Amino acid sequence: MATVLMTGRDGRQALLAFTGLDPLRRWDPRARPVPVGVPDAARAALQGGAEALLIDVDGPVTLVVETDDLQALADGFTLAEVDGRPAWVRPDL
């Protein structure tokens, strides 16, 4: 299985990820999807030397997850609302 890294203008690399087939096909109609969960995608980005996970590069909404947030996803945390504020929570604890 191959992963696709994109290099930004600042020289940092990001692993591409997609939320579904439509965003994937907007980017490349010939691409073949390999479904993975968010923690696995984040771990693959970090293990591949990427500094970010770039989600839906061709939209309709693009999201970049980097730094501590990328590590939190790789560690199995999810973002949730706790007492009206966003917080990282780990569902298995």
N, C-alpha and C. Protein backbone atom coordinates (compact mmCIF):
# COMPACT_ATOMS: atom_id res chain seq x y z
N MET A 1 0.84 -1.17 0.00
CA MET A 1 0.00 0.00 0.00
C MET A 1 0.89 1.23 0.00
N ALA A 2 0.55 2.21 -0.79
CA ALA A 2 1.31 3.45 -0.87
C ALA A 2 0.52 4.57 -0.20
N THR A 3 1.25 5.48 0.41
CA THR A 3 0.63 6.68 0.95
C THR A 3 1.10 7.86 0.11
N VAL A 4 0.33 8.91 0.13
CA VAL A 4 0.66 10.09 -0.66
C VAL A 4 0.99 11.23 0.29
N LEU A 5 2.20 11.75 0.16
CA LEU A 5 2.61 12.91 0.93
C LEU A 5 2.64 14.12 0.02
N MET A 6 2.19 15.25 0.55
CA MET A 6 2.23 16.50 -0.19
C MET A 6 3.15 17.45 0.57
N THR A 7 4.01 18.13 -0.17
CA THR A 7 4.93 19.08 0.44
C THR A 7 4.36 20.49 0.29
N GLY A 8 4.24 21.19 1.41
CA GLY A 8 3.71 22.55 1.41
C GLY A 8 4.76 23.57 1.01
N ARG A 9 4.32 24.79 0.84
CA ARG A 9 5.25 25.87 0.46
C ARG A 9 6.36 26.07 1.48
N ASP A 10 6.05 25.72 2.74
CA ASP A 10 7.04 25.88 3.80
C ASP A 10 7.98 24.68 3.91
N GLY A 11 7.81 23.68 3.02
CA GLY A 11 8.68 22.52 3.00
C GLY A 11 8.22 21.36 3.88
N ARG A 12 7.19 21.59 4.69
CA ARG A 12 6.69 20.51 5.55
C ARG A 12 5.84 19.55 4.72
N GLN A 13 5.84 18.28 5.13
CA GLN A 13 5.05 17.28 4.43
C GLN A 13 3.80 16.92 5.21
N ALA A 14 2.74 16.60 4.45
CA ALA A 14 1.48 16.18 5.03
C ALA A 14 1.00 14.92 4.32
N LEU A 15 0.44 14.01 5.08
CA LEU A 15 -0.19 12.83 4.51
C LEU A 15 -1.59 13.20 4.07
N LEU A 16 -1.96 12.81 2.85
CA LEU A 16 -3.31 13.09 2.37
C LEU A 16 -4.28 12.06 2.91
N ALA A 17 -5.46 12.54 3.30
CA ALA A 17 -6.55 11.68 3.77
C ALA A 17 -7.86 12.27 3.25
N PHE A 18 -8.85 11.42 3.13
CA PHE A 18 -10.13 11.86 2.55
C PHE A 18 -11.28 11.34 3.39
N THR A 19 -12.34 12.13 3.47
CA THR A 19 -13.50 11.76 4.27
C THR A 19 -14.47 10.86 3.51
N GLY A 20 -14.25 10.67 2.23
CA GLY A 20 -15.13 9.82 1.44
C GLY A 20 -14.68 9.75 0.00
N LEU A 21 -15.47 9.03 -0.80
CA LEU A 21 -15.11 8.84 -2.20
C LEU A 21 -15.21 10.11 -3.02
N ASP A 22 -16.21 10.95 -2.77
CA ASP A 22 -16.34 12.18 -3.56
C ASP A 22 -15.13 13.09 -3.42
N PRO A 23 -14.67 13.39 -2.20
CA PRO A 23 -13.46 14.22 -2.09
C PRO A 23 -12.22 13.56 -2.69
N LEU A 24 -12.13 12.23 -2.56
CA LEU A 24 -11.00 11.51 -3.15
C LEU A 24 -11.03 11.64 -4.67
N ARG A 25 -12.18 11.47 -5.27
CA ARG A 25 -12.29 11.53 -6.73
C ARG A 25 -12.11 12.95 -7.26
N ARG A 26 -12.45 13.97 -6.46
CA ARG A 26 -12.17 15.35 -6.88
C ARG A 26 -10.66 15.56 -7.00
N TRP A 27 -9.92 14.95 -6.09
CA TRP A 27 -8.47 15.08 -6.11
C TRP A 27 -7.87 14.28 -7.27
N ASP A 28 -8.28 13.01 -7.40
CA ASP A 28 -7.77 12.16 -8.47
C ASP A 28 -8.79 11.07 -8.77
N PRO A 29 -9.47 11.17 -9.91
CA PRO A 29 -10.51 10.19 -10.24
C PRO A 29 -9.98 8.75 -10.37
N ARG A 30 -8.67 8.60 -10.55
CA ARG A 30 -8.08 7.26 -10.69
C ARG A 30 -7.60 6.67 -9.38
N ALA A 31 -7.63 7.44 -8.31
CA ALA A 31 -7.11 6.98 -7.02
C ALA A 31 -7.94 5.82 -6.49
N ARG A 32 -7.28 4.92 -5.82
CA ARG A 32 -7.94 3.76 -5.23
C ARG A 32 -7.94 3.92 -3.71
N PRO A 33 -9.12 3.94 -3.12
CA PRO A 33 -9.18 4.17 -1.67
C PRO A 33 -8.77 2.95 -0.85
N VAL A 34 -8.19 3.24 0.29
CA VAL A 34 -7.91 2.23 1.30
C VAL A 34 -8.48 2.78 2.60
N PRO A 35 -9.63 2.26 3.03
CA PRO A 35 -10.26 2.82 4.23
C PRO A 35 -9.43 2.54 5.49
N VAL A 36 -9.22 3.58 6.27
CA VAL A 36 -8.55 3.47 7.57
C VAL A 36 -9.24 4.43 8.53
N GLY A 37 -9.14 4.13 9.80
CA GLY A 37 -9.68 5.02 10.82
C GLY A 37 -8.75 6.19 11.07
N VAL A 38 -9.28 7.18 11.74
CA VAL A 38 -8.52 8.40 12.01
C VAL A 38 -7.23 8.11 12.80
N PRO A 39 -7.27 7.33 13.87
CA PRO A 39 -6.02 7.08 14.60
C PRO A 39 -4.95 6.43 13.70
N ASP A 40 -5.37 5.49 12.85
CA ASP A 40 -4.40 4.84 11.96
C ASP A 40 -3.83 5.83 10.94
N ALA A 41 -4.66 6.71 10.42
CA ALA A 41 -4.17 7.72 9.46
C ALA A 41 -3.18 8.66 10.15
N ALA A 42 -3.48 9.07 11.36
CA ALA A 42 -2.58 9.96 12.10
C ALA A 42 -1.25 9.26 12.40
N ARG A 43 -1.33 8.00 12.80
CA ARG A 43 -0.10 7.24 13.06
C ARG A 43 0.72 7.07 11.78
N ALA A 44 0.05 6.80 10.67
CA ALA A 44 0.76 6.64 9.39
C ALA A 44 1.46 7.94 9.01
N ALA A 45 0.81 9.06 9.25
CA ALA A 45 1.43 10.35 8.95
C ALA A 45 2.71 10.52 9.76
N LEU A 46 2.62 10.28 11.06
CA LEU A 46 3.79 10.45 11.93
C LEU A 46 4.88 9.44 11.59
N GLN A 47 4.51 8.19 11.36
CA GLN A 47 5.51 7.17 11.04
C GLN A 47 6.17 7.42 9.69
N GLY A 48 5.44 8.06 8.78
CA GLY A 48 5.99 8.38 7.46
C GLY A 48 6.81 9.66 7.44
N GLY A 49 6.96 10.30 8.59
CA GLY A 49 7.76 11.51 8.67
C GLY A 49 6.99 12.79 8.34
N ALA A 50 5.68 12.68 8.14
CA ALA A 50 4.87 13.86 7.86
C ALA A 50 4.64 14.65 9.15
N GLU A 51 4.43 15.94 8.98
CA GLU A 51 4.17 16.80 10.12
C GLU A 51 2.69 17.14 10.26
N ALA A 52 1.88 16.65 9.29
CA ALA A 52 0.46 16.99 9.32
C ALA A 52 -0.35 15.93 8.57
N LEU A 53 -1.63 15.95 8.83
CA LEU A 53 -2.61 15.16 8.09
C LEU A 53 -3.47 16.17 7.35
N LEU A 54 -3.47 16.09 6.03
CA LEU A 54 -4.22 17.03 5.19
C LEU A 54 -5.46 16.31 4.69
N ILE A 55 -6.61 16.76 5.15
CA ILE A 55 -7.88 16.08 4.88
C ILE A 55 -8.65 16.82 3.80
N ASP A 56 -9.07 16.07 2.78
CA ASP A 56 -9.87 16.59 1.66
C ASP A 56 -9.19 17.78 0.99
N VAL A 57 -8.00 17.54 0.45
CA VAL A 57 -7.17 18.58 -0.15
C VAL A 57 -7.91 19.39 -1.22
N ASP A 58 -8.82 18.78 -1.96
CA ASP A 58 -9.59 19.51 -2.97
C ASP A 58 -11.00 19.86 -2.51
N GLY A 59 -11.23 19.87 -1.22
CA GLY A 59 -12.49 20.33 -0.66
C GLY A 59 -13.60 19.30 -0.70
N PRO A 60 -14.79 19.74 -0.39
CA PRO A 60 -15.21 21.14 -0.34
C PRO A 60 -14.69 21.90 0.89
N VAL A 61 -14.32 21.20 1.95
CA VAL A 61 -13.71 21.84 3.12
C VAL A 61 -12.41 21.11 3.40
N THR A 62 -11.32 21.85 3.47
CA THR A 62 -10.00 21.27 3.73
C THR A 62 -9.65 21.49 5.19
N LEU A 63 -9.05 20.48 5.79
CA LEU A 63 -8.66 20.55 7.19
C LEU A 63 -7.23 20.06 7.32
N VAL A 64 -6.43 20.76 8.12
CA VAL A 64 -5.06 20.35 8.41
C VAL A 64 -4.98 20.06 9.91
N VAL A 65 -4.50 18.86 10.24
CA VAL A 65 -4.28 18.49 11.64
C VAL A 65 -2.78 18.34 11.81
N GLU A 66 -2.22 19.05 12.79
CA GLU A 66 -0.76 19.03 12.97
C GLU A 66 -0.39 19.15 14.43
N THR A 67 0.86 19.06 14.69
CA THR A 67 1.50 19.21 16.00
C THR A 67 0.86 18.31 17.05
N ASP A 68 0.54 18.88 18.21
CA ASP A 68 0.00 18.09 19.32
C ASP A 68 -1.33 17.45 18.97
N ASP A 69 -2.12 18.11 18.13
CA ASP A 69 -3.41 17.55 17.72
C ASP A 69 -3.21 16.27 16.92
N LEU A 70 -2.23 16.24 16.04
CA LEU A 70 -1.95 15.04 15.26
C LEU A 70 -1.51 13.90 16.18
N GLN A 71 -0.68 14.20 17.14
CA GLN A 71 -0.24 13.18 18.10
C GLN A 71 -1.42 12.68 18.93
N ALA A 72 -2.31 13.56 19.35
CA ALA A 72 -3.48 13.15 20.12
C ALA A 72 -4.35 12.17 19.34
N LEU A 73 -4.58 12.47 18.05
CA LEU A 73 -5.36 11.55 17.22
C LEU A 73 -4.65 10.20 17.09
N ALA A 74 -3.35 10.23 16.89
CA ALA A 74 -2.57 8.99 16.78
C ALA A 74 -2.64 8.17 18.06
N ASP A 75 -2.77 8.84 19.18
CA ASP A 75 -2.84 8.17 20.48
C ASP A 75 -4.26 7.70 20.82
N GLY A 76 -5.21 7.92 19.91
CA GLY A 76 -6.57 7.42 20.13
C GLY A 76 -7.54 8.39 20.77
N PHE A 77 -7.11 9.64 20.95
CA PHE A 77 -8.01 10.63 21.52
C PHE A 77 -8.97 11.15 20.45
N THR A 78 -10.14 11.63 20.88
CA THR A 78 -11.09 12.29 20.00
C THR A 78 -11.44 13.64 20.61
N LEU A 79 -11.82 14.55 19.76
CA LEU A 79 -12.22 15.88 20.22
C LEU A 79 -13.70 15.84 20.57
N ALA A 80 -14.03 16.30 21.77
CA ALA A 80 -15.42 16.28 22.22
C ALA A 80 -15.70 17.55 23.02
N GLU A 81 -16.97 17.80 23.23
CA GLU A 81 -17.36 18.94 24.05
C GLU A 81 -17.54 18.45 25.49
N VAL A 82 -16.83 19.10 26.41
CA VAL A 82 -16.91 18.76 27.83
C VAL A 82 -17.19 20.04 28.58
N ASP A 83 -18.32 20.08 29.27
CA ASP A 83 -18.72 21.29 30.00
C ASP A 83 -18.73 22.53 29.10
N GLY A 84 -19.19 22.35 27.87
CA GLY A 84 -19.32 23.46 26.95
C GLY A 84 -18.03 23.90 26.28
N ARG A 85 -16.94 23.15 26.48
CA ARG A 85 -15.65 23.51 25.88
C ARG A 85 -15.07 22.31 25.16
N PRO A 86 -14.28 22.56 24.09
CA PRO A 86 -13.65 21.43 23.41
C PRO A 86 -12.54 20.83 24.26
N ALA A 87 -12.45 19.50 24.23
CA ALA A 87 -11.41 18.81 25.01
C ALA A 87 -11.06 17.51 24.31
N TRP A 88 -9.80 17.10 24.46
CA TRP A 88 -9.39 15.79 23.98
C TRP A 88 -9.81 14.76 25.00
N VAL A 89 -10.51 13.73 24.56
CA VAL A 89 -10.92 12.63 25.46
C VAL A 89 -10.49 11.32 24.82
N ARG A 90 -10.23 10.38 25.68
CA ARG A 90 -9.85 9.05 25.19
C ARG A 90 -10.97 8.09 25.56
N PRO A 91 -11.70 7.59 24.56
CA PRO A 91 -12.88 6.79 24.81
C PRO A 91 -12.64 5.54 25.63
N ASP A 92 -11.45 4.96 25.59
CA ASP A 92 -11.19 3.69 26.28
C ASP A 92 -10.79 3.88 27.74
N LEU A 93 -10.72 5.09 28.21
CA LEU A 93 -10.32 5.31 29.62
C LEU A 93 -11.53 5.55 30.49
